[in-house]
Structure formats: structure tokens, C-alpha cells
């Protein structure tokens, strides 16, 4: 006799097992999405703070030379 061929996945029978196997993947995907939404907002904020700080430091460094010109 030829070997039995397995039939297609029966959702009623195999559904809970498939969901149990997919749950860790879904949790990791959700966590990656949550991190991305947090980083997506944090990154431009950090760039703006860095640029503002750079301009402030540049202005503070040039300020003594400007004051010295008026003395």
C-alpha cells in the first residue's frame, strides 16, 4: 500500500496549535513596532536638541571675541 498523504491543514483541529506557535512571532513583531514608534519620535528630537546645543556652544564661544571688539 502507498503511504498515507497528509491532508491539508484542518483549521478546526490544527488552529489552536498554529496560533500557539505563531504567538511568539506576533509578540516580537508587536514589540519591534512599539520600539520603532518610540525611536521614530525620539530621533528627530535628539537631532533638534543636538543642533540647538551646537549653535548655543558656537555662539557662547564667539561671544568673548565679539565683546572684545567693542572694548
PDB file of N, CA and C in Angstrom:
ATOM      1  N   UNK A   1       0.832  -1.178   0.000  1.00  0.00           N
ATOM      2  CA  UNK A   1       0.000   0.000   0.000  1.00  0.00           C
ATOM      3  C   UNK A   1       0.883   1.250   0.000  1.00  0.00           C
ATOM      4  N   UNK A   2       0.484   2.260  -0.758  1.00  0.00           N
ATOM      5  CA  UNK A   2       1.248   3.508  -0.755  1.00  0.00           C
ATOM      6  C   UNK A   2       1.080   4.222   0.592  1.00  0.00           C
ATOM      7  N   UNK A   3       2.098   4.986   0.989  1.00  0.00           N
ATOM      8  CA  UNK A   3       1.998   5.694   2.267  1.00  0.00           C
ATOM      9  C   UNK A   3       0.879   6.735   2.237  1.00  0.00           C
ATOM     10  N   UNK A   4       0.332   6.995   3.406  1.00  0.00           N
ATOM     11  CA  UNK A   4      -0.750   7.961   3.505  1.00  0.00           C
ATOM     12  C   UNK A   4      -0.213   9.369   3.275  1.00  0.00           C
ATOM     13  N   UNK A   5      -0.928  10.110   2.514  1.00  0.00           N
ATOM     14  CA  UNK A   5      -0.566  11.514   2.313  1.00  0.00           C
ATOM     15  C   UNK A   5      -1.309  12.332   3.351  1.00  0.00           C
ATOM     16  N   UNK A   6      -0.595  13.258   3.946  1.00  0.00           N
ATOM     17  CA  UNK A   6      -1.266  14.107   4.927  1.00  0.00           C
ATOM     18  C   UNK A   6      -2.137  15.111   4.209  1.00  0.00           C
ATOM     19  N   UNK A   7      -3.318  15.278   4.736  1.00  0.00           N
ATOM     20  CA  UNK A   7      -4.234  16.231   4.122  1.00  0.00           C
ATOM     21  C   UNK A   7      -3.826  17.651   4.503  1.00  0.00           C
ATOM     22  N   UNK A   8      -4.489  18.581   3.886  1.00  0.00           N
ATOM     23  CA  UNK A   8      -4.213  19.986   4.171  1.00  0.00           C
ATOM     24  C   UNK A   8      -4.547  20.281   5.635  1.00  0.00           C
ATOM     25  N   UNK A   9      -4.073  21.409   6.104  1.00  0.00           N
ATOM     26  CA  UNK A   9      -4.309  21.790   7.491  1.00  0.00           C
ATOM     27  C   UNK A   9      -5.807  21.964   7.714  1.00  0.00           C
ATOM     28  N   UNK A  10      -6.305  21.324   8.750  1.00  0.00           N
ATOM     29  CA  UNK A  10      -7.703  21.496   9.131  1.00  0.00           C
ATOM     30  C   UNK A  10      -7.753  22.527  10.239  1.00  0.00           C
ATOM     31  N   UNK A  11      -8.339  23.664   9.958  1.00  0.00           N
ATOM     32  CA  UNK A  11      -8.315  24.773  10.901  1.00  0.00           C
ATOM     33  C   UNK A  11      -9.005  24.444  12.214  1.00  0.00           C
ATOM     34  N   UNK A  12     -10.066  23.656  12.162  1.00  0.00           N
ATOM     35  CA  UNK A  12     -10.762  23.328  13.407  1.00  0.00           C
ATOM     36  C   UNK A  12      -9.870  22.522  14.343  1.00  0.00           C
ATOM     37  N   UNK A  13      -9.100  21.634  13.761  1.00  0.00           N
ATOM     38  CA  UNK A  13      -8.262  20.752  14.571  1.00  0.00           C
ATOM     39  C   UNK A  13      -6.892  21.379  14.865  1.00  0.00           C
ATOM     40  N   UNK A  14      -6.268  21.966  13.849  1.00  0.00           N
ATOM     41  CA  UNK A  14      -4.896  22.466  13.976  1.00  0.00           C
ATOM     42  C   UNK A  14      -4.819  23.943  14.323  1.00  0.00           C
ATOM     43  N   UNK A  15      -5.943  24.638  14.344  1.00  0.00           N
ATOM     44  CA  UNK A  15      -5.942  26.084  14.585  1.00  0.00           C
ATOM     45  C   UNK A  15      -5.305  26.496  15.898  1.00  0.00           C
ATOM     46  N   UNK A  16      -5.720  25.915  17.032  1.00  0.00           N
ATOM     47  CA  UNK A  16      -5.110  26.328  18.303  1.00  0.00           C
ATOM     48  C   UNK A  16      -3.605  26.094  18.351  1.00  0.00           C
ATOM     49  N   UNK A  17      -3.168  24.983  17.774  1.00  0.00           N
ATOM     50  CA  UNK A  17      -1.730  24.698  17.762  1.00  0.00           C
ATOM     51  C   UNK A  17      -0.976  25.699  16.896  1.00  0.00           C
ATOM     52  N   UNK A  18      -1.548  26.056  15.754  1.00  0.00           N
ATOM     53  CA  UNK A  18      -0.909  27.046  14.881  1.00  0.00           C
ATOM     54  C   UNK A  18      -0.847  28.417  15.551  1.00  0.00           C
ATOM     55  N   UNK A  19      -1.921  28.784  16.254  1.00  0.00           N
ATOM     56  CA  UNK A  19      -1.917  30.059  16.972  1.00  0.00           C
ATOM     57  C   UNK A  19      -0.880  30.063  18.082  1.00  0.00           C
ATOM     58  N   UNK A  20      -0.758  28.957  18.781  1.00  0.00           N
ATOM     59  CA  UNK A  20       0.226  28.848  19.863  1.00  0.00           C
ATOM     60  C   UNK A  20       1.650  28.985  19.306  1.00  0.00           C
ATOM     61  N   UNK A  21       1.884  28.425  18.134  1.00  0.00           N
ATOM     62  CA  UNK A  21       3.211  28.520  17.518  1.00  0.00           C
ATOM     63  C   UNK A  21       3.478  29.927  16.986  1.00  0.00           C
ATOM     64  N   UNK A  22       2.432  30.629  16.535  1.00  0.00           N
ATOM     65  CA  UNK A  22       2.604  31.961  15.950  1.00  0.00           C
ATOM     66  C   UNK A  22       2.659  33.065  17.012  1.00  0.00           C
ATOM     67  N   UNK A  23       2.243  32.777  18.210  1.00  0.00           N
ATOM     68  CA  UNK A  23       2.167  33.816  19.243  1.00  0.00           C
ATOM     69  C   UNK A  23       3.521  34.467  19.536  1.00  0.00           C
ATOM     70  N   UNK A  24       4.619  33.731  19.716  1.00  0.00           N
ATOM     71  CA  UNK A  24       5.900  34.405  19.971  1.00  0.00           C
ATOM     72  C   UNK A  24       6.335  35.314  18.829  1.00  0.00           C
ATOM     73  N   UNK A  25       6.053  34.911  17.605  1.00  0.00           N
ATOM     74  CA  UNK A  25       6.408  35.736  16.454  1.00  0.00           C
ATOM     75  C   UNK A  25       5.595  37.022  16.465  1.00  0.00           C
ATOM     76  N   UNK A  26       4.315  36.906  16.778  1.00  0.00           N
ATOM     77  CA  UNK A  26       3.452  38.090  16.816  1.00  0.00           C
ATOM     78  C   UNK A  26       3.879  39.033  17.939  1.00  0.00           C
ATOM     79  N   UNK A  27       4.262  38.489  19.081  1.00  0.00           N
ATOM     80  CA  UNK A  27       4.706  39.334  20.197  1.00  0.00           C
ATOM     81  C   UNK A  27       5.988  40.075  19.823  1.00  0.00           C
ATOM     82  N   UNK A  28       6.927  39.398  19.186  1.00  0.00           N
ATOM     83  CA  UNK A  28       8.170  40.055  18.772  1.00  0.00           C
ATOM     84  C   UNK A  28       7.907  41.135  17.734  1.00  0.00           C
ATOM     85  N   UNK A  29       6.987  40.882  16.819  1.00  0.00           N
ATOM     86  CA  UNK A  29       6.648  41.890  15.810  1.00  0.00           C
ATOM     87  C   UNK A  29       6.005  43.103  16.465  1.00  0.00           C
ATOM     88  N   UNK A  30       5.126  42.872  17.424  1.00  0.00           N
ATOM     89  CA  UNK A  30       4.479  43.988  18.122  1.00  0.00           C
ATOM     90  C   UNK A  30       5.506  44.802  18.905  1.00  0.00           C
ATOM     91  N   UNK A  31       6.442  44.149  19.577  1.00  0.00           N
ATOM     92  CA  UNK A  31       7.479  44.859  20.320  1.00  0.00           C
ATOM     93  C   UNK A  31       8.377  45.663  19.387  1.00  0.00           C
ATOM     94  N   UNK A  32       8.714  45.103  18.242  1.00  0.00           N
ATOM     95  CA  UNK A  32       9.530  45.836  17.274  1.00  0.00           C
ATOM     96  C   UNK A  32       8.795  47.074  16.782  1.00  0.00           C
ATOM     97  N   UNK A  33       7.496  46.943  16.552  1.00  0.00           N
ATOM     98  CA  UNK A  33       6.706  48.094  16.120  1.00  0.00           C
ATOM     99  C   UNK A  33       6.643  49.156  17.218  1.00  0.00           C
ATOM    100  N   UNK A  34       6.472  48.735  18.461  1.00  0.00           N
ATOM    101  CA  UNK A  34       6.421  49.689  19.572  1.00  0.00           C
ATOM    102  C   UNK A  34       7.751  50.427  19.713  1.00  0.00           C
ATOM    103  N   UNK A  35       8.866  49.707  19.599  1.00  0.00           N
ATOM    104  CA  UNK A  35      10.177  50.366  19.660  1.00  0.00           C
ATOM    105  C   UNK A  35      10.350  51.340  18.500  1.00  0.00           C
ATOM    106  N   UNK A  36       9.913  50.943  17.313  1.00  0.00           N
ATOM    107  CA  UNK A  36      10.053  51.812  16.150  1.00  0.00           C
ATOM    108  C   UNK A  36       9.269  53.106  16.336  1.00  0.00           C
ATOM    109  N   UNK A  37       8.040  53.032  16.857  1.00  0.00           N
ATOM    110  CA  UNK A  37       7.257  54.252  17.041  1.00  0.00           C
ATOM    111  C   UNK A  37       7.904  55.158  18.074  1.00  0.00           C
ATOM    112  N   UNK A  38       8.558  54.578  19.078  1.00  0.00           N
ATOM    113  CA  UNK A  38       9.246  55.377  20.093  1.00  0.00           C
ATOM    114  C   UNK A  38      10.507  56.016  19.514  1.00  0.00           C
ATOM    115  N   UNK A  39      11.293  55.246  18.783  1.00  0.00           N
ATOM    116  CA  UNK A  39      12.534  55.758  18.195  1.00  0.00           C
ATOM    117  C   UNK A  39      12.233  56.781  17.107  1.00  0.00           C
ATOM    118  N   UNK A  40      11.152  56.546  16.365  1.00  0.00           N
ATOM    119  CA  UNK A  40      10.779  57.452  15.276  1.00  0.00           C
ATOM    120  C   UNK A  40      10.526  58.869  15.789  1.00  0.00           C
ATOM    121  N   UNK A  41      10.018  58.991  16.992  1.00  0.00           N
ATOM    122  CA  UNK A  41       9.780  60.321  17.568  1.00  0.00           C
ATOM    123  C   UNK A  41      10.986  60.833  18.327  1.00  0.00           C
ATOM    124  N   UNK A  42      11.767  59.928  18.885  1.00  0.00           N
ATOM    125  CA  UNK A  42      12.926  60.333  19.673  1.00  0.00           C
ATOM    126  C   UNK A  42      14.067  60.841  18.802  1.00  0.00           C
ATOM    127  N   UNK A  43      14.295  60.213  17.675  1.00  0.00           N
ATOM    128  CA  UNK A  43      15.432  60.559  16.826  1.00  0.00           C
ATOM    129  C   UNK A  43      15.389  62.005  16.338  1.00  0.00           C
ATOM    130  N   UNK A  44      14.277  62.509  15.780  1.00  0.00           N
ATOM    131  CA  UNK A  44      14.265  63.914  15.369  1.00  0.00           C
ATOM    132  C   UNK A  44      14.419  64.873  16.555  1.00  0.00           C
ATOM    133  N   UNK A  45      13.873  64.504  17.702  1.00  0.00           N
ATOM    134  CA  UNK A  45      14.019  65.341  18.890  1.00  0.00           C
ATOM    135  C   UNK A  45      15.482  65.439  19.293  1.00  0.00           C
ATOM    136  N   UNK A  46      16.183  64.333  19.262  1.00  0.00           N
ATOM    137  CA  UNK A  46      17.607  64.349  19.604  1.00  0.00           C
ATOM    138  C   UNK A  46      18.409  65.175  18.596  1.00  0.00           C
ATOM    139  N   UNK A  47      18.074  65.078  17.341  1.00  0.00           N
ATOM    140  CA  UNK A  47      18.772  65.880  16.340  1.00  0.00           C
ATOM    141  C   UNK A  47      18.532  67.372  16.550  1.00  0.00           C
ATOM    142  N   UNK A  48      17.307  67.742  16.883  1.00  0.00           N
ATOM    143  CA  UNK A  48      16.998  69.155  17.124  1.00  0.00           C
ATOM    144  C   UNK A  48      17.741  69.650  18.358  1.00  0.00           C
ATOM    145  N   UNK A  49      17.755  68.849  19.413  1.00  0.00           N
ATOM    146  CA  UNK A  49      18.485  69.250  20.625  1.00  0.00           C
ATOM    147  C   UNK A  49      19.985  69.355  20.353  1.00  0.00           C
ATOM    148  N   UNK A  50      20.519  68.431  19.571  1.00  0.00           N
ATOM    149  CA  UNK A  50      21.941  68.485  19.235  1.00  0.00           C
ATOM    150  C   UNK A  50      22.264  69.739  18.424  1.00  0.00           C
ATOM    151  N   UNK A  51      21.441  70.054  17.433  1.00  0.00           N
ATOM    152  CA  UNK A  51      21.681  71.233  16.601  1.00  0.00           C
ATOM    153  C   UNK A  51      21.558  72.510  17.430  1.00  0.00           C
ATOM    154  N   UNK A  52      20.553  72.565  18.306  1.00  0.00           N
ATOM    155  CA  UNK A  52      20.388  73.739  19.163  1.00  0.00           C
ATOM    156  C   UNK A  52      21.568  73.890  20.108  1.00  0.00           C
ATOM    157  N   UNK A  53      22.007  72.801  20.699  1.00  0.00           N
ATOM    158  CA  UNK A  53      23.172  72.844  21.587  1.00  0.00           C
ATOM    159  C   UNK A  53      24.435  73.256  20.850  1.00  0.00           C
ATOM    160  N   UNK A  54      24.602  72.777  19.636  1.00  0.00           N
ATOM    161  CA  UNK A  54      25.774  73.144  18.844  1.00  0.00           C
ATOM    162  C   UNK A  54      25.772  74.645  18.545  1.00  0.00           C
ATOM    163  N   UNK A  55      24.623  75.163  18.156  1.00  0.00           N
ATOM    164  CA  UNK A  55      24.523  76.597  17.864  1.00  0.00           C
ATOM    165  C   UNK A  55      24.766  77.419  19.128  1.00  0.00           C
ATOM    166  N   UNK A  56      24.226  76.961  20.261  1.00  0.00           N
ATOM    167  CA  UNK A  56      24.436  77.672  21.523  1.00  0.00           C
ATOM    168  C   UNK A  56      25.913  77.673  21.908  1.00  0.00           C
ATOM    169  N   UNK A  57      26.577  76.545  21.783  1.00  0.00           N
ATOM    170  CA  UNK A  57      28.012  76.470  22.116  1.00  0.00           C
ATOM    171  C   UNK A  57      28.847  77.331  21.167  1.00  0.00           C
ATOM    172  N   UNK A  58      28.476  77.341  19.904  1.00  0.00           N
ATOM    173  CA  UNK A  58      29.173  78.171  18.935  1.00  0.00           C
ATOM    174  C   UNK A  58      29.006  79.651  19.279  1.00  0.00           C
ATOM    175  N   UNK A  59      27.785  80.039  19.629  1.00  0.00           N
ATOM    176  CA  UNK A  59      27.534  81.434  19.996  1.00  0.00           C
ATOM    177  C   UNK A  59      28.264  81.801  21.284  1.00  0.00           C
ATOM    178  N   UNK A  60      28.287  80.890  22.255  1.00  0.00           N
ATOM    179  CA  UNK A  60      28.985  81.160  23.514  1.00  0.00           C
ATOM    180  C   UNK A  60      30.497  81.243  23.288  1.00  0.00           C
ATOM    181  N   UNK A  61      31.015  80.509  22.327  1.00  0.00           N
ATOM    182  CA  UNK A  61      32.446  80.555  22.047  1.00  0.00           C
ATOM    183  C   UNK A  61      32.842  81.816  21.303  1.00  0.00           C
ATOM    184  N   UNK A  62      31.968  82.345  20.490  1.00  0.00           N
ATOM    185  CA  UNK A  62      32.259  83.541  19.704  1.00  0.00           C
ATOM    186  C   UNK A  62      31.985  84.810  20.514  1.00  0.00           C
ATOM    187  N   UNK A  63      31.156  84.720  21.522  1.00  0.00           N
ATOM    188  CA  UNK A  63      30.753  85.886  22.301  1.00  0.00           C
ATOM    189  C   UNK A  63      31.925  86.654  22.900  1.00  0.00           C
ATOM    190  N   UNK A  64      32.947  86.025  23.481  1.00  0.00           N
ATOM    191  CA  UNK A  64      34.073  86.801  24.018  1.00  0.00           C
ATOM    192  C   UNK A  64      34.807  87.618  22.939  1.00  0.00           C
ATOM    193  N   UNK A  65      34.916  87.079  21.742  1.00  0.00           N
ATOM    194  CA  UNK A  65      35.599  87.817  20.656  1.00  0.00           C
ATOM    195  C   UNK A  65      34.767  89.033  20.237  1.00  0.00           C
ATOM    196  N   UNK A  66      33.451  88.872  20.218  1.00  0.00           N
ATOM    197  CA  UNK A  66      32.583  89.998  19.837  1.00  0.00           C
ATOM    198  C   UNK A  66      32.642  91.087  20.908  1.00  0.00           C
ATOM    199  N   UNK A  67      32.635  90.688  22.157  1.00  0.00           N
ATOM    200  CA  UNK A  67      32.723  91.679  23.249  1.00  0.00           C
ATOM    201  C   UNK A  67      34.075  92.370  23.206  1.00  0.00           C
ATOM    202  N   UNK A  68      35.135  91.626  22.852  1.00  0.00           N
ATOM    203  CA  UNK A  68      36.484  92.213  22.780  1.00  0.00           C
ATOM    204  C   UNK A  68      36.589  93.245  21.654  1.00  0.00           C
ATOM    205  N   UNK A  69      35.823  93.136  20.609  1.00  0.00           N
ATOM    206  CA  UNK A  69      35.873  94.102  19.515  1.00  0.00           C
ATOM    207  C   UNK A  69      35.305  95.474  19.927  1.00  0.00           C
ATOM    208  N   UNK A  70      34.370  95.478  20.848  1.00  0.00           N
ATOM    209  CA  UNK A  70      33.745  96.717  21.273  1.00  0.00           C
ATOM    210  C   UNK A  70      34.457  97.386  22.435  1.00  0.00           C
ATOM    211  N   UNK A  71      35.501  96.836  22.958  1.00  0.00           N
ATOM    212  CA  UNK A  71      36.229  97.459  24.076  1.00  0.00           C
ATOM    213  C   UNK A  71      37.236  98.423  23.569  1.00  0.00           C
TER     214      UNK A  71
END
